[in-house]
Each structure stands twice: as C-alpha cells, then as structure tokens.
PDB file of N, CA and C in Angstrom:
ATOM      1  N   MET A   1       0.195  15.805 -21.429  1.00  0.00           N
ATOM      2  CA  MET A   1       0.910  15.884 -22.612  1.00  0.00           C
ATOM      3  C   MET A   1       1.368  14.129 -23.030  1.00  0.00           C
ATOM      4  N   ARG A   2       1.367  13.491 -22.191  1.00  0.00           N
ATOM      5  CA  ARG A   2       1.599  11.865 -22.767  1.00  0.00           C
ATOM      6  C   ARG A   2       0.055  11.915 -23.300  1.00  0.00           C
ATOM      7  N   GLN A   3      -1.113  11.756 -23.560  1.00  0.00           N
ATOM      8  CA  GLN A   3      -1.995  11.911 -24.127  1.00  0.00           C
ATOM      9  C   GLN A   3      -1.949  11.907 -25.010  1.00  0.00           C
ATOM     10  N   GLN A   4      -1.799  13.199 -25.849  1.00  0.00           N
ATOM     11  CA  GLN A   4      -1.468  14.233 -27.259  1.00  0.00           C
ATOM     12  C   GLN A   4      -0.610  13.770 -27.924  1.00  0.00           C
ATOM     13  N   GLN A   5       0.039  12.585 -27.220  1.00  0.00           N
ATOM     14  CA  GLN A   5       1.331  11.854 -28.069  1.00  0.00           C
ATOM     15  C   GLN A   5       1.174  11.002 -28.094  1.00  0.00           C
ATOM     16  N   ARG A   6      -0.124  10.185 -27.505  1.00  0.00           N
ATOM     17  CA  ARG A   6      -0.250   9.161 -27.916  1.00  0.00           C
ATOM     18  C   ARG A   6      -0.782   9.383 -29.511  1.00  0.00           C
ATOM     19  N   ARG A   7      -1.989  10.451 -28.729  1.00  0.00           N
ATOM     20  CA  ARG A   7      -2.949  10.622 -30.015  1.00  0.00           C
ATOM     21  C   ARG A   7      -2.458  11.218 -31.491  1.00  0.00           C
ATOM     22  N   ASP A   8      -1.466  11.476 -31.269  1.00  0.00           N
ATOM     23  CA  ASP A   8      -0.176  11.851 -32.526  1.00  0.00           C
ATOM     24  C   ASP A   8      -0.268  10.473 -33.480  1.00  0.00           C
ATOM     25  N   MET A   9       0.362  10.282 -32.137  1.00  0.00           N
ATOM     26  CA  MET A   9       1.271   8.978 -33.851  1.00  0.00           C
ATOM     27  C   MET A   9       0.339   7.397 -33.795  1.00  0.00           C
ATOM     28  N   ILE A  10      -0.486   7.995 -33.144  1.00  0.00           N
ATOM     29  CA  ILE A  10      -1.794   6.844 -33.454  1.00  0.00           C
ATOM     30  C   ILE A  10      -2.511   7.750 -34.998  1.00  0.00           C
ATOM     31  N   THR A  11      -2.594   8.822 -34.969  1.00  0.00           N
ATOM     32  CA  THR A  11      -2.464   9.748 -36.398  1.00  0.00           C
ATOM     33  C   THR A  11      -2.169   9.307 -37.737  1.00  0.00           C
ATOM     34  N   GLN A  12      -0.473   9.850 -36.550  1.00  0.00           N
ATOM     35  CA  GLN A  12       0.879   9.481 -37.882  1.00  0.00           C
ATOM     36  C   GLN A  12       0.112   8.452 -38.174  1.00  0.00           C
ATOM     37  N   ALA A  13       0.374   7.014 -38.091  1.00  0.00           N
ATOM     38  CA  ALA A  13       0.206   5.766 -37.819  1.00  0.00           C
ATOM     39  C   ALA A  13      -0.368   5.722 -38.961  1.00  0.00           C
ATOM     40  N   TYR A  14      -1.933   5.990 -38.424  1.00  0.00           N
ATOM     41  CA  TYR A  14      -3.307   6.000 -39.364  1.00  0.00           C
ATOM     42  C   TYR A  14      -3.095   6.845 -41.468  1.00  0.00           C
ATOM     43  N   MET A  15      -2.518   8.228 -41.353  1.00  0.00           N
ATOM     44  CA  MET A  15      -1.777   8.365 -42.449  1.00  0.00           C
ATOM     45  C   MET A  15      -0.851   7.698 -43.136  1.00  0.00           C
ATOM     46  N   THR A  16      -0.138   7.750 -42.663  1.00  0.00           N
ATOM     47  CA  THR A  16       0.656   6.479 -43.579  1.00  0.00           C
ATOM     48  C   THR A  16      -0.091   5.200 -44.411  1.00  0.00           C
ATOM     49  N   ALA A  17      -0.746   4.468 -42.981  1.00  0.00           N
ATOM     50  CA  ALA A  17      -1.456   3.473 -43.951  1.00  0.00           C
ATOM     51  C   ALA A  17      -2.165   4.224 -44.654  1.00  0.00           C
ATOM     52  N   VAL A  18      -3.709   5.212 -44.542  1.00  0.00           N
ATOM     53  CA  VAL A  18      -3.564   5.293 -45.678  1.00  0.00           C
ATOM     54  C   VAL A  18      -3.747   5.070 -47.060  1.00  0.00           C
ATOM     55  N   TRP A  19      -2.376   5.508 -46.551  1.00  0.00           N
ATOM     56  CA  TRP A  19      -1.883   5.857 -48.714  1.00  0.00           C
ATOM     57  C   TRP A  19      -1.413   3.961 -49.189  1.00  0.00           C
ATOM     58  N   SER A  20      -1.336   3.495 -48.484  1.00  0.00           N
ATOM     59  CA  SER A  20      -0.703   1.619 -48.325  1.00  0.00           C
ATOM     60  C   SER A  20      -2.248   1.317 -49.117  1.00  0.00           C
ATOM     61  N   ARG A  21      -3.186   1.345 -47.958  1.00  0.00           N
ATOM     62  CA  ARG A  21      -4.302   0.294 -48.075  1.00  0.00           C
ATOM     63  C   ARG A  21      -6.333   1.637 -48.596  1.00  0.00           C
ATOM     64  N   ALA A  22      -5.982   2.483 -48.830  1.00  0.00           N
ATOM     65  CA  ALA A  22      -7.129   3.310 -48.280  1.00  0.00           C
ATOM     66  C   ALA A  22      -8.716   2.566 -47.500  1.00  0.00           C
ATOM     67  N   ASN A  23      -9.465   1.498 -48.490  1.00  0.00           N
ATOM     68  CA  ASN A  23     -10.049   1.091 -48.151  1.00  0.00           C
ATOM     69  C   ASN A  23     -10.709   0.664 -47.044  1.00  0.00           C
ATOM     70  N   LYS A  24      -9.929  -0.446 -46.445  1.00  0.00           N
ATOM     71  CA  LYS A  24      -9.834  -1.841 -45.317  1.00  0.00           C
ATOM     72  C   LYS A  24      -9.327  -0.173 -44.085  1.00  0.00           C
ATOM     73  N   LEU A  25      -9.434   0.551 -43.906  1.00  0.00           N
ATOM     74  CA  LEU A  25      -9.586   0.895 -42.963  1.00  0.00           C
ATOM     75  C   LEU A  25     -10.440   1.556 -41.556  1.00  0.00           C
ATOM     76  N   PRO A  26     -10.791   1.869 -40.377  1.00  0.00           N
ATOM     77  CA  PRO A  26     -11.960   1.540 -39.507  1.00  0.00           C
ATOM     78  C   PRO A  26     -11.922   4.074 -39.984  1.00  0.00           C
ATOM     79  N   LYS A  27     -12.934   4.460 -39.411  1.00  0.00           N
ATOM     80  CA  LYS A  27     -12.638   6.140 -39.559  1.00  0.00           C
ATOM     81  C   LYS A  27     -11.027   6.500 -38.493  1.00  0.00           C
ATOM     82  N   LEU A  28     -10.807   7.737 -38.201  1.00  0.00           N
ATOM     83  CA  LEU A  28      -9.849   7.048 -37.418  1.00  0.00           C
ATOM     84  C   LEU A  28     -10.237   8.061 -35.513  1.00  0.00           C
ATOM     85  N   GLU A  29     -11.525   8.896 -36.370  1.00  0.00           N
ATOM     86  CA  GLU A  29     -12.205   8.832 -34.669  1.00  0.00           C
ATOM     87  C   GLU A  29     -12.391   7.613 -34.143  1.00  0.00           C
ATOM     88  N   SER A  30     -12.465   6.820 -34.862  1.00  0.00           N
ATOM     89  CA  SER A  30     -13.203   5.748 -33.762  1.00  0.00           C
ATOM     90  C   SER A  30     -12.192   4.971 -33.600  1.00  0.00           C
ATOM     91  N   ILE A  31     -11.225   4.846 -33.859  1.00  0.00           N
ATOM     92  CA  ILE A  31      -9.676   4.398 -33.178  1.00  0.00           C
ATOM     93  C   ILE A  31      -9.200   5.737 -32.334  1.00  0.00           C
ATOM     94  N   LEU A  32      -9.790   6.646 -32.227  1.00  0.00           N
ATOM     95  CA  LEU A  32      -8.927   7.775 -31.156  1.00  0.00           C
ATOM     96  C   LEU A  32     -10.242   7.859 -29.679  1.00  0.00           C
ATOM     97  N   ALA A  33     -11.024   7.471 -30.278  1.00  0.00           N
ATOM     98  CA  ALA A  33     -12.087   6.954 -29.632  1.00  0.00           C
ATOM     99  C   ALA A  33     -12.327   6.446 -27.755  1.00  0.00           C
ATOM    100  N   LYS A  34     -11.360   5.000 -28.866  1.00  0.00           N
ATOM    101  CA  LYS A  34     -11.153   3.576 -28.476  1.00  0.00           C
ATOM    102  C   LYS A  34      -9.975   3.500 -27.293  1.00  0.00           C
ATOM    103  N   GLN A  35      -9.773   3.831 -27.702  1.00  0.00           N
ATOM    104  CA  GLN A  35      -7.366   4.243 -27.348  1.00  0.00           C
ATOM    105  C   GLN A  35      -8.374   5.833 -26.292  1.00  0.00           C
ATOM    106  N   GLU A  36      -9.462   6.419 -26.149  1.00  0.00           N
ATOM    107  CA  GLU A  36      -8.499   7.600 -25.617  1.00  0.00           C
ATOM    108  C   GLU A  36     -10.070   6.991 -24.451  1.00  0.00           C
ATOM    109  N   GLN A  37     -10.438   5.650 -24.117  1.00  0.00           N
ATOM    110  CA  GLN A  37     -11.669   5.585 -23.504  1.00  0.00           C
ATOM    111  C   GLN A  37     -10.276   4.575 -22.307  1.00  0.00           C
ATOM    112  N   VAL A  38      -9.697   3.422 -23.762  1.00  0.00           N
ATOM    113  CA  VAL A  38      -9.151   2.623 -22.534  1.00  0.00           C
ATOM    114  C   VAL A  38      -8.058   3.440 -22.208  1.00  0.00           C
ATOM    115  N   THR A  39      -7.652   3.680 -21.831  1.00  0.00           N
ATOM    116  CA  THR A  39      -7.086   4.579 -20.909  1.00  0.00           C
ATOM    117  C   THR A  39      -7.344   5.553 -19.810  1.00  0.00           C
ATOM    118  N   ALA A  40      -8.591   6.456 -20.605  1.00  0.00           N
ATOM    119  CA  ALA A  40      -9.561   6.511 -19.361  1.00  0.00           C
ATOM    120  C   ALA A  40      -9.804   5.988 -18.100  1.00  0.00           C
ATOM    121  N   GLN A  41      -9.744   4.653 -18.217  1.00  0.00           N
ATOM    122  CA  GLN A  41     -10.124   3.766 -17.211  1.00  0.00           C
ATOM    123  C   GLN A  41      -9.116   3.521 -15.962  1.00  0.00           C
ATOM    124  N   PRO A  42      -8.982   4.334 -15.009  1.00  0.00           N
ATOM    125  CA  PRO A  42      -8.066   3.492 -13.762  1.00  0.00           C
ATOM    126  C   PRO A  42      -7.663   2.120 -14.137  1.00  0.00           C
ATOM    127  N   ARG A  43      -6.189   1.685 -14.374  1.00  0.00           N
ATOM    128  CA  ARG A  43      -5.462   0.577 -13.778  1.00  0.00           C
ATOM    129  C   ARG A  43      -6.299  -0.089 -12.412  1.00  0.00           C
ATOM    130  N   ARG A  44      -6.673  -1.138 -12.318  1.00  0.00           N
ATOM    131  CA  ARG A  44      -6.345  -2.239 -11.113  1.00  0.00           C
ATOM    132  C   ARG A  44      -5.211  -2.719 -10.083  1.00  0.00           C
ATOM    133  N   LYS A  45      -5.376  -2.038  -9.054  1.00  0.00           N
ATOM    134  CA  LYS A  45      -4.482  -2.190  -7.881  1.00  0.00           C
ATOM    135  C   LYS A  45      -4.083  -4.224  -8.401  1.00  0.00           C
ATOM    136  N   ARG A  46      -3.019  -4.499  -8.549  1.00  0.00           N
ATOM    137  CA  ARG A  46      -3.144  -5.432  -7.825  1.00  0.00           C
ATOM    138  C   ARG A  46      -2.766  -6.059  -6.435  1.00  0.00           C
ATOM    139  N   GLU A  47      -4.063  -6.823  -5.377  1.00  0.00           N
ATOM    140  CA  GLU A  47      -4.027  -7.338  -4.701  1.00  0.00           C
ATOM    141  C   GLU A  47      -2.235  -7.741  -3.742  1.00  0.00           C
ATOM    142  N   LYS A  48      -1.603  -7.399  -3.095  1.00  0.00           N
ATOM    143  CA  LYS A  48      -1.098  -8.293  -2.284  1.00  0.00           C
ATOM    144  C   LYS A  48      -1.866  -8.851  -1.204  1.00  0.00           C
ATOM    145  N   THR A  49      -0.526 -10.100  -0.882  1.00  0.00           N
ATOM    146  CA  THR A  49      -0.729 -11.263   0.471  1.00  0.00           C
ATOM    147  C   THR A  49      -0.696 -10.291   1.106  1.00  0.00           C
ATOM    148  N   PRO A  50      -0.828 -10.490   3.276  1.00  0.00           N
ATOM    149  CA  PRO A  50      -0.226 -10.513   4.255  1.00  0.00           C
ATOM    150  C   PRO A  50       1.268 -10.594   4.575  1.00  0.00           C
ATOM    151  N   GLU A  51       1.466 -12.340   3.061  1.00  0.00           N
ATOM    152  CA  GLU A  51       2.977 -12.336   3.474  1.00  0.00           C
ATOM    153  C   GLU A  51       3.797 -11.496   2.571  1.00  0.00           C
ATOM    154  N   GLN A  52       3.585 -11.207   1.194  1.00  0.00           N
ATOM    155  CA  GLN A  52       3.547 -10.608   0.792  1.00  0.00           C
ATOM    156  C   GLN A  52       4.508  -8.922   1.118  1.00  0.00           C
ATOM    157  N   MET A  53       2.910  -8.446   2.068  1.00  0.00           N
ATOM    158  CA  MET A  53       3.526  -6.442   2.182  1.00  0.00           C
ATOM    159  C   MET A  53       4.586  -6.589   3.307  1.00  0.00           C
ATOM    160  N   LEU A  54       4.192  -8.149   4.356  1.00  0.00           N
ATOM    161  CA  LEU A  54       4.865  -7.386   6.032  1.00  0.00           C
ATOM    162  C   LEU A  54       6.838  -8.359   4.826  1.00  0.00           C
ATOM    163  N   GLU A  55       7.061  -9.072   3.533  1.00  0.00           N
ATOM    164  CA  GLU A  55       8.374  -8.701   3.125  1.00  0.00           C
ATOM    165  C   GLU A  55       8.426  -7.968   2.646  1.00  0.00           C
ATOM    166  N   PHE A  56       7.823  -5.850   2.028  1.00  0.00           N
ATOM    167  CA  PHE A  56       8.321  -5.392   1.745  1.00  0.00           C
ATOM    168  C   PHE A  56       7.703  -4.893   2.907  1.00  0.00           C
ATOM    169  N   ALA A  57       7.738  -4.546   4.016  1.00  0.00           N
ATOM    170  CA  ALA A  57       7.561  -3.820   5.278  1.00  0.00           C
ATOM    171  C   ALA A  57       9.421  -4.013   5.250  1.00  0.00           C
ATOM    172  N   LYS A  58       9.866  -5.004   5.380  1.00  0.00           N
ATOM    173  CA  LYS A  58      10.846  -5.022   6.673  1.00  0.00           C
ATOM    174  C   LYS A  58      11.941  -5.135   5.196  1.00  0.00           C
ATOM    175  N   MET A  59      12.054  -5.181   3.571  1.00  0.00           N
ATOM    176  CA  MET A  59      13.597  -4.822   2.728  1.00  0.00           C
ATOM    177  C   MET A  59      13.074  -2.796   3.415  1.00  0.00           C
ATOM    178  N   PHE A  60      12.006  -2.406   3.257  1.00  0.00           N
ATOM    179  CA  PHE A  60      11.326  -0.838   3.382  1.00  0.00           C
ATOM    180  C   PHE A  60      12.662  -0.550   4.735  1.00  0.00           C
ATOM    181  N   GLN A  61      11.907  -1.068   5.603  1.00  0.00           N
ATOM    182  CA  GLN A  61      12.241  -0.829   6.616  1.00  0.00           C
ATOM    183  C   GLN A  61      14.293  -1.071   6.995  1.00  0.00           C
ATOM    184  N   ALA A  62      15.223  -2.584   6.456  1.00  0.00           N
ATOM    185  CA  ALA A  62      16.427  -2.376   5.882  1.00  0.00           C
ATOM    186  C   ALA A  62      16.918  -1.433   5.080  1.00  0.00           C
ATOM    187  N   ASN A  63      16.262  -0.728   4.422  1.00  0.00           N
ATOM    188  CA  ASN A  63      17.353  -0.290   3.404  1.00  0.00           C
ATOM    189  C   ASN A  63      16.707   1.538   3.776  1.00  0.00           C
ATOM    190  N   TYR A  64      15.670   1.674   5.257  1.00  0.00           N
ATOM    191  CA  TYR A  64      15.577   2.754   6.088  1.00  0.00           C
ATOM    192  C   TYR A  64      17.310   2.780   6.417  1.00  0.00           C
ATOM    193  N   GLU A  65      17.014   2.258   7.181  1.00  0.00           N
ATOM    194  CA  GLU A  65      17.716   1.518   8.507  1.00  0.00           C
ATOM    195  C   GLU A  65      19.424   1.199   8.316  1.00  0.00           C
ATOM    196  N   GLU A  66      19.755   1.523   6.335  1.00  0.00           N
ATOM    197  CA  GLU A  66      20.886   1.385   5.804  1.00  0.00           C
ATOM    198  C   GLU A  66      21.392   3.137   5.496  1.00  0.00           C
ATOM    199  N   ASN A  67      20.313   3.717   5.067  1.00  0.00           N
ATOM    200  CA  ASN A  67      20.715   5.040   4.943  1.00  0.00           C
ATOM    201  C   ASN A  67      21.037   5.763   6.009  1.00  0.00           C
ATOM    202  N   GLN A  68      20.209   5.035   6.601  1.00  0.00           N
ATOM    203  CA  GLN A  68      20.857   6.016   8.753  1.00  0.00           C
ATOM    204  C   GLN A  68      21.770   6.027   8.778  1.00  0.00           C
ATOM    205  N   LYS A  69      22.578   5.795   8.724  1.00  0.00           N
ATOM    206  CA  LYS A  69      23.786   4.735   8.997  1.00  0.00           C
ATOM    207  C   LYS A  69      24.842   5.836   8.795  1.00  0.00           C
TER     208      LYS A  69
END
C-alpha cells in the first residue's frame, strides 16, 4: 500500500507539472521505474561497534529490570 501511495503522489506531481512545462519532463514511466528500483533495494544495516552493542544491551537490561518492579 505504501508503494502505491508513493506512486500516486508521483503521478499527481507529474500531471500537475505537465500543464506548466509539457516539453521539459521525462516520461512518467521512467520516473516510476526509477522510484520502484530505489525502493526495491534492501537498506544497508549500519555496522555497530562492540561498545555500541554493549551500551544498547545495558540500556535494554536496565529498562527490563525497571519494568519488572
């Protein structure tokens, strides 16, 4: 559904712009194809340092213990 909403928004923006400068826009199909290609690629996960992972574990444990009271 989210991708369909993006597609609809891009289509609406395209159609709005066509009226003001019809000869300067690329084809809508190429714009949508590029957008779909970008959203189809998986996001790269950030690598975390051991110190960052330890800090997260400490925060998670402290939160868990606080909620157990």
